[in-house]
Amino acid sequence: MPIELLISSKPKRRIAIAPKSFFYYSGAMNYSEIITMEPGKRGGKPCIRGLRITVYDVLEYLASGMSQADVLRAFPYLTEPDILVCLAYAADRERKAKIINA
């Protein structure tokens, strides 16, 4: 059950935080077993386990409002760890992104 945290900035916001025992992502993950990139498949974009579904596809489905359960029902060959690795991969890419001033 997520824990609610009250942030005391204006305006006040509530953020749901999952307890560490639920899922803890440290930022250091080896993607080589799950995220694959092949030049002849989907234009070399990062795919899940060599399948023809990209990390971007999964993130787009989640961003459109599909739940993890919806994605797993629509794509039965995916697993929950596949989805979590997609999220972690995107978080790592965002963390490593550099801002270049024009």
Protein backbone atom coordinates (compact mmCIF):
# COMPACT_ATOMS: atom_id res chain seq x y z
CA MET A 1 0.00 0.00 0.00
CA PRO A 2 1.57 3.33 -1.04
CA ILE A 3 2.34 5.85 1.67
CA GLU A 4 1.20 9.45 1.22
CA LEU A 5 3.75 12.18 1.77
CA LEU A 6 2.66 15.79 2.24
CA ILE A 7 5.06 18.29 0.73
CA SER A 8 4.93 21.70 2.39
CA SER A 9 5.55 23.90 -0.64
CA LYS A 10 2.95 26.18 -2.20
CA PRO A 11 0.63 24.89 -3.54
CA LYS A 12 0.53 21.79 -1.37
CA ARG A 13 0.92 18.54 -3.27
CA ARG A 14 0.47 14.93 -2.27
CA ILE A 15 2.78 12.32 -3.68
CA ALA A 16 2.25 8.59 -3.35
CA ILE A 17 5.43 6.77 -2.39
CA ALA A 18 5.74 3.01 -2.29
CA PRO A 19 7.58 1.55 0.71
CA LYS A 20 11.12 0.29 -0.01
CA SER A 21 10.04 -3.27 0.67
CA PHE A 22 7.63 -3.02 -2.29
CA PHE A 23 10.18 -2.04 -4.96
CA TYR A 24 13.48 -0.27 -4.65
CA TYR A 25 15.40 0.87 -7.70
CA SER A 26 18.98 1.85 -6.96
CA GLY A 27 19.81 3.30 -10.38
CA ALA A 28 22.33 0.60 -11.25
CA MET A 29 20.84 -2.10 -13.44
CA ASN A 30 22.28 -4.36 -16.13
CA TYR A 31 19.92 -4.20 -19.11
CA SER A 32 21.86 -6.51 -21.43
CA GLU A 33 19.64 -9.51 -20.69
CA ILE A 34 16.35 -7.68 -21.30
CA ILE A 35 16.99 -4.58 -23.43
CA THR A 36 18.50 -5.46 -26.81
CA MET A 37 19.44 -3.33 -29.82
CA GLU A 38 19.83 -4.89 -33.24
CA PRO A 39 20.50 -2.76 -36.35
CA GLY A 40 18.01 -4.70 -38.51
CA LYS A 41 15.19 -4.75 -35.98
CA ARG A 42 12.97 -1.69 -35.42
CA GLY A 43 15.70 0.60 -36.72
CA GLY A 44 18.14 -0.35 -33.96
CA LYS A 45 15.88 1.03 -31.22
CA PRO A 46 16.04 -0.61 -27.78
CA CYS A 47 13.72 -3.64 -27.80
CA ILE A 48 12.62 -6.03 -25.09
CA ARG A 49 14.34 -9.44 -25.15
CA GLY A 50 14.89 -9.32 -28.92
CA LEU A 51 11.17 -9.03 -29.58
CA ARG A 52 9.74 -6.44 -31.95
CA ILE A 53 8.32 -4.29 -29.14
CA THR A 54 10.46 -1.31 -28.17
CA VAL A 55 10.99 0.36 -24.82
CA TYR A 56 9.34 3.41 -26.38
CA ASP A 57 6.22 1.35 -27.26
CA VAL A 58 5.81 0.21 -23.65
CA LEU A 59 6.38 3.71 -22.27
CA GLU A 60 3.91 5.16 -24.76
CA TYR A 61 1.23 2.66 -23.72
CA LEU A 62 1.77 3.46 -20.04
CA ALA A 63 1.74 7.21 -20.74
CA SER A 64 -1.52 6.89 -22.66
CA GLY A 65 -3.22 5.58 -19.53
CA MET A 66 -2.86 1.83 -19.87
CA SER A 67 -2.03 0.11 -16.61
CA GLN A 68 0.73 -2.47 -16.33
CA ALA A 69 -1.98 -5.14 -16.21
CA ASP A 70 -3.50 -3.76 -19.45
CA VAL A 71 -0.12 -3.89 -21.20
CA LEU A 72 0.49 -7.44 -19.98
CA ARG A 73 -2.96 -8.52 -21.23
CA ALA A 74 -2.39 -6.88 -24.62
CA PHE A 75 1.09 -8.38 -24.98
CA PRO A 76 1.08 -11.76 -23.19
CA TYR A 77 4.75 -12.40 -24.09
CA LEU A 78 5.80 -9.48 -21.85
CA THR A 79 6.36 -9.87 -18.13
CA GLU A 80 6.11 -7.44 -15.22
CA PRO A 81 9.93 -7.28 -14.91
CA ASP A 82 10.06 -6.29 -18.62
CA ILE A 83 7.87 -3.27 -17.87
CA LEU A 84 9.86 -2.33 -14.78
CA VAL A 85 13.11 -2.53 -16.75
CA CYS A 86 11.61 -0.22 -19.41
CA LEU A 87 10.81 2.32 -16.71
CA ALA A 88 14.25 1.99 -15.14
CA TYR A 89 15.93 2.29 -18.56
CA ALA A 90 14.01 5.49 -19.28
CA ALA A 91 14.87 6.88 -15.85
CA ASP A 92 18.56 6.17 -16.40
CA ARG A 93 18.51 7.81 -19.82
CA GLU A 94 16.79 10.87 -18.38
CA ARG A 95 19.28 11.05 -15.53
CA LYS A 96 22.19 10.89 -17.98
CA ALA A 97 20.69 13.44 -20.41
CA LYS A 98 22.68 16.64 -20.79
CA ILE A 99 21.19 20.07 -21.33
CA ILE A 100 23.00 22.09 -23.98
CA ASN A 101 22.53 25.85 -23.96
CA ALA A 102 21.93 27.30 -27.42
